[in-house]
Amino acid sequence: MNNYKTILAFDLDGTLLDSADDLIDTLNILLKENNIPCMQRSDVNDLVGNGALSMIKKAFKINGINHKDISWKPLKEKFLKIYEQNCLNKSKLFPYTTTVLEKLKSENYELIIVSNKPEFFVKKILNHFKLEKFFSAISGGDTFDYRKPSPIHLYETIKLTNIKDYNCIFIGDSINDALCAKRSGSKLILLKHGYSYENINDMNADIILEDLKKIPQIISNFKF
């Protein structure tokens, strides 16, 4: 096992990136255009985690709109068009993100991103914050035919690294991350600063942390 490479798979939204304000603002522009009451920043945990279409559907449901004849595809396309103009307005990295990634990279861990956000936005955001250099593979919710919580999303992203023998630690903030980690046999670290509607204490994480700061120290003690 000593010859195995340790791969650290990171979620993006709610894990490395505090994107809640831009997501809610984008959603509210769409809702206003459809004469639907806006969502609050405090609603983010109920909305984020499964992509744009899920956000829209949940917002409609919260407002008591359950029409079966709604055409969702144009709403999703409009949301993404709005988000392209707004995704970097207020989004910011969570504390310690850059320093932790630098530390992990210097210690020869292999870093990848496994996000349910469309790949275009994942790469746009990583490039903006100058984080793309830390990751040997990046995937979004539309990169493959599978997405979290399917472990295939993780497996396919790891394949992009060309690493055959590895141990994996998944670092995220939500039930999709937890299920993906557990179904793939990966270790799981969950962060309290994320956007989880469910109680992360019930997700069988190996470690739950307040923030990213202690991750290098924590993973150095993991036993596989």
Protein backbone atom coordinates (compact mmCIF):
# COMPACT_ATOMS: atom_id res chain seq x y z
CA MET A 1 0.00 0.00 0.00
CA ASN A 2 2.97 2.32 0.48
CA ASN A 3 3.33 2.63 -3.30
CA TYR A 4 -0.21 3.85 -3.72
CA LYS A 5 -0.80 7.48 -4.67
CA THR A 6 -3.16 9.41 -2.40
CA ILE A 7 -5.77 11.26 -4.43
CA LEU A 8 -7.71 14.08 -2.79
CA ALA A 9 -11.05 14.66 -4.51
CA PHE A 10 -12.56 18.07 -3.75
CA ASP A 11 -16.08 19.28 -4.26
CA LEU A 12 -16.24 22.96 -5.29
CA ASP A 13 -19.37 24.81 -4.11
CA GLY A 14 -19.61 24.81 -0.34
CA THR A 15 -16.19 23.20 0.00
CA LEU A 16 -13.60 25.45 -1.63
CA LEU A 17 -15.92 28.15 -2.96
CA ASP A 18 -18.54 30.23 -1.17
CA SER A 19 -20.81 30.73 -4.16
CA ALA A 20 -24.15 31.07 -2.38
CA ASP A 21 -24.77 34.76 -3.06
CA ASP A 22 -24.16 34.52 -6.80
CA LEU A 23 -26.33 31.40 -7.08
CA ILE A 24 -29.20 32.95 -5.14
CA ASP A 25 -28.92 36.25 -7.04
CA THR A 26 -29.04 34.40 -10.36
CA LEU A 27 -32.00 32.33 -9.25
CA ASN A 28 -33.85 35.43 -8.10
CA ILE A 29 -33.39 37.18 -11.44
CA LEU A 30 -34.99 34.17 -13.09
CA LEU A 31 -37.79 34.02 -10.52
CA LYS A 32 -38.58 37.74 -10.88
CA GLU A 33 -38.86 37.33 -14.65
CA ASN A 34 -41.49 34.67 -13.98
CA ASN A 35 -43.33 36.66 -11.27
CA ILE A 36 -42.31 34.22 -8.56
CA PRO A 37 -41.21 35.33 -5.05
CA CYS A 38 -37.48 35.47 -4.50
CA MET A 39 -35.39 33.17 -2.34
CA GLN A 40 -33.28 34.34 0.59
CA ARG A 41 -29.57 33.70 1.24
CA SER A 42 -30.69 31.54 4.15
CA ASP A 43 -32.46 29.22 1.71
CA VAL A 44 -29.20 28.15 0.08
CA ASN A 45 -28.90 24.84 1.93
CA ASP A 46 -32.30 23.81 0.60
CA LEU A 47 -31.39 24.67 -2.98
CA VAL A 48 -27.74 23.97 -3.80
CA GLY A 49 -26.05 20.68 -4.58
CA ASN A 50 -27.72 19.05 -7.58
CA GLY A 51 -27.22 21.64 -10.29
CA ALA A 52 -29.22 24.47 -11.84
CA LEU A 53 -32.34 22.54 -12.79
CA SER A 54 -32.69 21.14 -9.29
CA MET A 55 -32.34 24.66 -7.83
CA ILE A 56 -35.10 25.98 -10.07
CA LYS A 57 -37.45 23.10 -9.33
CA LYS A 58 -36.89 23.40 -5.59
CA ALA A 59 -37.54 27.15 -5.71
CA PHE A 60 -40.78 26.55 -7.58
CA LYS A 61 -41.80 23.88 -5.08
CA ILE A 62 -41.00 26.12 -2.09
CA ASN A 63 -43.34 28.68 -3.65
CA GLY A 64 -46.05 26.06 -4.08
CA ILE A 65 -45.69 25.84 -7.86
CA ASN A 66 -45.90 22.23 -8.98
CA HIS A 67 -47.31 22.55 -12.49
CA LYS A 68 -46.57 19.40 -14.48
CA ASP A 69 -46.68 21.33 -17.76
CA ILE A 70 -43.74 23.61 -16.93
CA SER A 71 -41.04 23.58 -19.62
CA TRP A 72 -37.91 23.21 -17.50
CA LYS A 73 -35.24 23.17 -20.20
CA PRO A 74 -35.65 26.84 -21.24
CA LEU A 75 -35.64 27.86 -17.57
CA LYS A 76 -32.40 25.99 -17.00
CA GLU A 77 -30.82 27.51 -20.12
CA LYS A 78 -31.85 31.00 -19.02
CA PHE A 79 -30.48 30.40 -15.51
CA LEU A 80 -27.10 29.35 -16.91
CA LYS A 81 -27.01 32.36 -19.22
CA ILE A 82 -27.67 34.69 -16.29
CA TYR A 83 -25.19 32.84 -14.09
CA GLU A 84 -22.45 33.22 -16.67
CA GLN A 85 -22.68 36.98 -16.13
CA ASN A 86 -22.99 36.73 -12.35
CA CYS A 87 -20.91 33.76 -11.21
CA LEU A 88 -17.97 35.89 -10.09
CA ASN A 89 -19.77 38.90 -8.65
CA LYS A 90 -19.77 37.87 -5.01
CA SER A 91 -18.31 34.37 -4.92
CA LYS A 92 -15.18 34.00 -2.84
CA LEU A 93 -12.88 31.26 -1.65
CA PHE A 94 -13.43 29.90 1.80
CA PRO A 95 -10.65 30.74 4.30
CA TYR A 96 -7.38 28.81 3.88
CA THR A 97 -8.29 27.44 0.44
CA THR A 98 -5.18 28.58 -1.43
CA THR A 99 -2.70 27.92 1.37
CA VAL A 100 -4.10 24.44 1.98
CA LEU A 101 -3.99 23.53 -1.72
CA GLU A 102 -0.42 24.79 -1.93
CA LYS A 103 0.56 22.71 1.09
CA LEU A 104 -1.11 19.56 -0.23
CA LYS A 105 0.45 19.95 -3.67
CA SER A 106 3.89 20.44 -2.14
CA GLU A 107 3.44 17.20 -0.23
CA ASN A 108 2.86 15.28 -3.47
CA TYR A 109 -0.84 14.56 -3.11
CA GLU A 110 -2.79 14.30 -6.35
CA LEU A 111 -5.68 16.80 -6.34
CA ILE A 112 -8.84 16.60 -8.43
CA ILE A 113 -12.17 18.43 -8.57
CA VAL A 114 -15.44 16.47 -8.70
CA SER A 115 -18.33 18.96 -8.90
CA ASN A 116 -21.97 18.80 -9.99
CA LYS A 117 -21.65 22.35 -11.38
CA PRO A 118 -21.36 22.43 -15.20
CA GLU A 119 -17.73 21.95 -16.24
CA PHE A 120 -17.61 25.32 -18.04
CA PHE A 121 -18.30 27.15 -14.78
CA VAL A 122 -15.97 24.96 -12.73
CA LYS A 123 -13.07 25.82 -15.03
CA LYS A 124 -14.06 29.49 -15.33
CA ILE A 125 -14.12 29.88 -11.54
CA LEU A 126 -10.91 27.94 -10.92
CA ASN A 127 -9.15 30.03 -13.56
CA HIS A 128 -10.44 33.26 -12.03
CA PHE A 129 -9.08 32.36 -8.60
CA LYS A 130 -5.89 30.91 -10.10
CA LEU A 131 -6.56 27.46 -8.65
CA GLU A 132 -6.50 25.34 -11.83
CA LYS A 133 -2.74 24.74 -11.44
CA PHE A 134 -3.34 22.64 -8.34
CA PHE A 135 -5.57 20.04 -10.02
CA SER A 136 -4.56 17.25 -12.35
CA ALA A 137 -8.18 16.50 -13.29
CA ILE A 138 -11.37 18.55 -13.21
CA SER A 139 -14.93 17.40 -13.84
CA GLY A 140 -18.37 18.94 -13.66
CA GLY A 141 -21.87 17.57 -13.57
CA ASP A 142 -21.99 17.39 -17.37
CA THR A 143 -18.49 16.02 -18.02
CA PHE A 144 -19.64 12.40 -18.02
CA ASP A 145 -22.93 10.53 -18.23
CA TYR A 146 -22.79 10.16 -14.44
CA ARG A 147 -22.66 12.69 -11.64
CA LYS A 148 -22.47 12.62 -7.85
CA PRO A 149 -23.68 10.76 -5.86
CA SER A 150 -22.72 8.10 -8.41
CA PRO A 151 -19.20 6.86 -7.67
CA ILE A 152 -18.68 6.55 -11.44
CA HIS A 153 -18.31 10.34 -11.53
CA LEU A 154 -15.35 10.00 -9.19
CA TYR A 155 -13.88 6.97 -10.98
CA GLU A 156 -14.02 8.66 -14.39
CA THR A 157 -12.35 11.79 -13.04
CA ILE A 158 -9.57 9.73 -11.48
CA LYS A 159 -9.04 8.01 -14.84
CA LEU A 160 -8.10 11.40 -16.29
CA THR A 161 -5.03 11.42 -14.00
CA ASN A 162 -3.77 8.10 -15.45
CA ILE A 163 -3.13 6.90 -11.91
CA LYS A 164 -3.88 3.19 -11.54
CA ASP A 165 -2.98 2.46 -7.92
CA TYR A 166 -4.43 4.91 -5.46
CA ASN A 167 -6.18 5.63 -2.21
CA CYS A 168 -8.83 8.34 -2.30
CA ILE A 169 -10.02 10.89 0.23
CA PHE A 170 -13.16 12.82 -0.72
CA ILE A 171 -13.52 16.32 0.75
CA GLY A 172 -16.96 17.88 0.50
CA ASP A 173 -19.93 19.31 2.32
CA SER A 174 -23.09 17.49 1.28
CA ILE A 175 -24.96 14.20 1.06
CA ASN A 176 -23.97 13.81 -2.60
CA ASP A 177 -20.31 14.02 -1.62
CA ALA A 178 -20.84 11.62 1.28
CA LEU A 179 -22.65 9.03 -0.83
CA CYS A 180 -20.10 9.28 -3.63
CA ALA A 181 -17.27 8.75 -1.14
CA LYS A 182 -18.90 5.84 0.65
CA ARG A 183 -20.00 4.06 -2.53
CA SER A 184 -16.47 4.31 -3.90
CA GLY A 185 -14.80 3.13 -0.70
CA SER A 186 -13.08 6.50 -0.24
CA LYS A 187 -12.30 8.18 3.04
CA LEU A 188 -14.63 11.12 3.72
CA ILE A 189 -14.00 14.57 5.16
CA LEU A 190 -17.00 16.89 5.50
CA LEU A 191 -16.88 20.63 6.12
CA LYS A 192 -19.33 22.47 8.34
CA HIS A 193 -19.10 25.69 6.34
CA GLY A 194 -20.90 24.19 3.34
CA TYR A 195 -24.45 23.99 2.02
CA SER A 196 -25.94 20.83 3.41
CA TYR A 197 -29.66 20.57 4.13
CA GLU A 198 -29.12 17.21 5.82
CA ASN A 199 -27.20 16.96 9.09
CA ILE A 200 -23.60 16.14 8.17
CA ASN A 201 -23.17 14.43 11.53
CA ASP A 202 -25.40 11.65 10.17
CA MET A 203 -23.32 10.98 7.03
CA ASN A 204 -20.68 8.65 8.51
CA ALA A 205 -17.77 10.93 7.71
CA ASP A 206 -14.30 9.91 8.87
CA ILE A 207 -13.71 13.50 9.94
CA ILE A 208 -15.91 16.61 10.21
CA LEU A 209 -14.06 19.94 10.22
CA GLU A 210 -15.04 23.54 10.82
CA ASP A 211 -12.92 24.70 7.88
CA LEU A 212 -10.11 23.65 5.56
CA LYS A 213 -7.18 24.68 7.76
CA LYS A 214 -6.39 21.34 9.39
CA ILE A 215 -6.79 19.14 6.32
CA PRO A 216 -3.04 18.64 5.63
CA GLN A 217 -2.48 17.58 9.21
CA ILE A 218 -5.58 15.38 9.34
CA ILE A 219 -4.94 13.42 6.13
CA SER A 220 -1.32 12.77 7.03
CA ASN A 221 -2.66 10.59 9.85
CA PHE A 222 -5.18 8.63 7.77
CA LYS A 223 -4.68 4.88 7.64
CA PHE A 224 -5.84 3.00 4.53
